[in-house]
Amino acid sequence: MWEIIRDFFMNQYERFDGFLGDTLDIDGRLLDLYNQFISPLPEIIKILGGLFVVVLLIFGTVSFVKKLLKLFVVIAVILIIVLAVTQLG
């Protein structure tokens, strides 16, 4: 019985995945964009662009971690206040 249910959902997933693959064709579109815009550029521009993307990723990650740390501190302070109020009350 479980195999029938599992096979049904697996078939639905495979059909939906095939439909999305045929309809959207994300891989083909990304390769076409690369071949049209990136491939004709000189190698030095590709290297500089890659370095720029790496720097952006690093700064973005650092900024995200800083904001997450601030959020953690705010939540910790709120939790400490709530605990203190409930213990005194």
C-alpha atoms as a PDB file:
ATOM      1  CA  MET A   1       0.000   0.000   0.000  1.00  0.00           C
ATOM      2  CA  TRP A   2       2.781   2.444   0.910  1.00  0.00           C
ATOM      3  CA  GLU A   3       4.589   1.654  -2.337  1.00  0.00           C
ATOM      4  CA  ILE A   4       1.515   2.626  -4.353  1.00  0.00           C
ATOM      5  CA  ILE A   5       1.248   5.962  -2.528  1.00  0.00           C
ATOM      6  CA  ARG A   6       4.989   6.593  -2.842  1.00  0.00           C
ATOM      7  CA  ASP A   7       4.948   5.714  -6.551  1.00  0.00           C
ATOM      8  CA  PHE A   8       1.985   8.024  -7.122  1.00  0.00           C
ATOM      9  CA  PHE A   9       3.756  11.006  -5.540  1.00  0.00           C
ATOM     10  CA  MET A  10       7.052  10.184  -7.247  1.00  0.00           C
ATOM     11  CA  ASN A  11       5.285  10.071 -10.623  1.00  0.00           C
ATOM     12  CA  GLN A  12       3.608  13.416  -9.901  1.00  0.00           C
ATOM     13  CA  TYR A  13       6.961  14.926  -8.926  1.00  0.00           C
ATOM     14  CA  GLU A  14       8.691  13.602 -12.049  1.00  0.00           C
ATOM     15  CA  ARG A  15       5.909  14.881 -14.304  1.00  0.00           C
ATOM     16  CA  PHE A  16       5.958  18.323 -12.647  1.00  0.00           C
ATOM     17  CA  ASP A  17       9.751  18.479 -12.787  1.00  0.00           C
ATOM     18  CA  GLY A  18       9.721  17.545 -16.465  1.00  0.00           C
ATOM     19  CA  PHE A  19       7.061  20.161 -17.160  1.00  0.00           C
ATOM     20  CA  LEU A  20       9.095  22.862 -15.406  1.00  0.00           C
ATOM     21  CA  GLY A  21      12.280  21.760 -17.158  1.00  0.00           C
ATOM     22  CA  ASP A  22      10.628  21.976 -20.576  1.00  0.00           C
ATOM     23  CA  THR A  23       8.767  25.211 -19.854  1.00  0.00           C
ATOM     24  CA  LEU A  24      11.395  27.317 -18.087  1.00  0.00           C
ATOM     25  CA  ASP A  25      14.662  25.859 -19.453  1.00  0.00           C
ATOM     26  CA  ILE A  26      16.713  27.783 -16.880  1.00  0.00           C
ATOM     27  CA  ASP A  27      19.974  25.989 -17.723  1.00  0.00           C
ATOM     28  CA  GLY A  28      19.725  26.788 -21.405  1.00  0.00           C
ATOM     29  CA  ARG A  29      18.858  30.414 -20.779  1.00  0.00           C
ATOM     30  CA  LEU A  30      21.764  30.906 -18.373  1.00  0.00           C
ATOM     31  CA  LEU A  31      24.183  29.315 -20.825  1.00  0.00           C
ATOM     32  CA  ASP A  32      22.835  31.516 -23.616  1.00  0.00           C
ATOM     33  CA  LEU A  33      23.316  34.624 -21.457  1.00  0.00           C
ATOM     34  CA  TYR A  34      26.867  33.536 -20.628  1.00  0.00           C
ATOM     35  CA  ASN A  35      27.689  32.874 -24.289  1.00  0.00           C
ATOM     36  CA  GLN A  36      26.158  36.168 -25.384  1.00  0.00           C
ATOM     37  CA  PHE A  37      27.500  38.576 -22.747  1.00  0.00           C
ATOM     38  CA  ILE A  38      30.388  37.056 -20.762  1.00  0.00           C
ATOM     39  CA  SER A  39      32.202  34.914 -23.304  1.00  0.00           C
ATOM     40  CA  PRO A  40      33.132  37.734 -25.719  1.00  0.00           C
ATOM     41  CA  LEU A  41      34.721  39.850 -22.956  1.00  0.00           C
ATOM     42  CA  PRO A  42      38.512  39.970 -22.599  1.00  0.00           C
ATOM     43  CA  GLU A  43      40.005  37.748 -19.908  1.00  0.00           C
ATOM     44  CA  ILE A  44      41.175  40.669 -17.752  1.00  0.00           C
ATOM     45  CA  ILE A  45      37.596  41.966 -17.527  1.00  0.00           C
ATOM     46  CA  LYS A  46      36.393  38.479 -16.539  1.00  0.00           C
ATOM     47  CA  ILE A  47      39.024  38.297 -13.786  1.00  0.00           C
ATOM     48  CA  LEU A  48      38.173  41.771 -12.485  1.00  0.00           C
ATOM     49  CA  GLY A  49      34.461  40.976 -12.613  1.00  0.00           C
ATOM     50  CA  GLY A  50      35.021  37.737 -10.715  1.00  0.00           C
ATOM     51  CA  LEU A  51      37.016  39.561  -8.053  1.00  0.00           C
ATOM     52  CA  PHE A  52      34.282  42.190  -7.796  1.00  0.00           C
ATOM     53  CA  VAL A  53      31.640  39.495  -7.300  1.00  0.00           C
ATOM     54  CA  VAL A  54      33.774  37.796  -4.619  1.00  0.00           C
ATOM     55  CA  VAL A  55      34.247  41.111  -2.775  1.00  0.00           C
ATOM     56  CA  LEU A  56      30.507  41.776  -2.931  1.00  0.00           C
ATOM     57  CA  LEU A  57      29.764  38.309  -1.555  1.00  0.00           C
ATOM     58  CA  ILE A  58      32.228  38.746   1.304  1.00  0.00           C
ATOM     59  CA  PHE A  59      30.922  42.197   2.270  1.00  0.00           C
ATOM     60  CA  GLY A  60      27.332  41.015   1.961  1.00  0.00           C
ATOM     61  CA  THR A  61      28.013  38.036   4.196  1.00  0.00           C
ATOM     62  CA  VAL A  62      29.741  40.221   6.795  1.00  0.00           C
ATOM     63  CA  SER A  63      26.852  42.693   6.737  1.00  0.00           C
ATOM     64  CA  PHE A  64      24.329  39.870   7.114  1.00  0.00           C
ATOM     65  CA  VAL A  65      26.217  38.411  10.080  1.00  0.00           C
ATOM     66  CA  LYS A  66      26.390  41.838  11.755  1.00  0.00           C
ATOM     67  CA  LYS A  67      22.656  42.358  11.374  1.00  0.00           C
ATOM     68  CA  LEU A  68      21.959  38.848  12.616  1.00  0.00           C
ATOM     69  CA  LEU A  69      24.152  39.474  15.662  1.00  0.00           C
ATOM     70  CA  LYS A  70      22.268  42.701  16.417  1.00  0.00           C
ATOM     71  CA  LEU A  71      18.980  40.844  16.130  1.00  0.00           C
ATOM     72  CA  PHE A  72      20.281  38.138  18.475  1.00  0.00           C
ATOM     73  CA  VAL A  73      21.332  40.758  21.044  1.00  0.00           C
ATOM     74  CA  VAL A  74      17.923  42.485  20.886  1.00  0.00           C
ATOM     75  CA  ILE A  75      16.082  39.178  21.295  1.00  0.00           C
ATOM     76  CA  ALA A  76      18.376  38.196  24.194  1.00  0.00           C
ATOM     77  CA  VAL A  77      17.744  41.532  25.961  1.00  0.00           C
ATOM     78  CA  ILE A  78      13.989  41.158  25.501  1.00  0.00           C
ATOM     79  CA  LEU A  79      14.150  37.604  26.832  1.00  0.00           C
ATOM     80  CA  ILE A  80      16.177  38.719  29.871  1.00  0.00           C
ATOM     81  CA  ILE A  81      13.651  41.496  30.587  1.00  0.00           C
ATOM     82  CA  VAL A  82      10.728  39.106  30.282  1.00  0.00           C
ATOM     83  CA  LEU A  83      12.436  36.571  32.554  1.00  0.00           C
ATOM     84  CA  ALA A  84      13.265  39.259  35.126  1.00  0.00           C
ATOM     85  CA  VAL A  85       9.691  40.589  35.150  1.00  0.00           C
ATOM     86  CA  THR A  86       8.183  37.116  35.507  1.00  0.00           C
ATOM     87  CA  GLN A  87      10.581  36.203  38.334  1.00  0.00           C
ATOM     88  CA  LEU A  88       9.803  39.404  40.262  1.00  0.00           C
ATOM     89  CA  GLY A  89       6.083  39.103  39.702  1.00  0.00           C
END
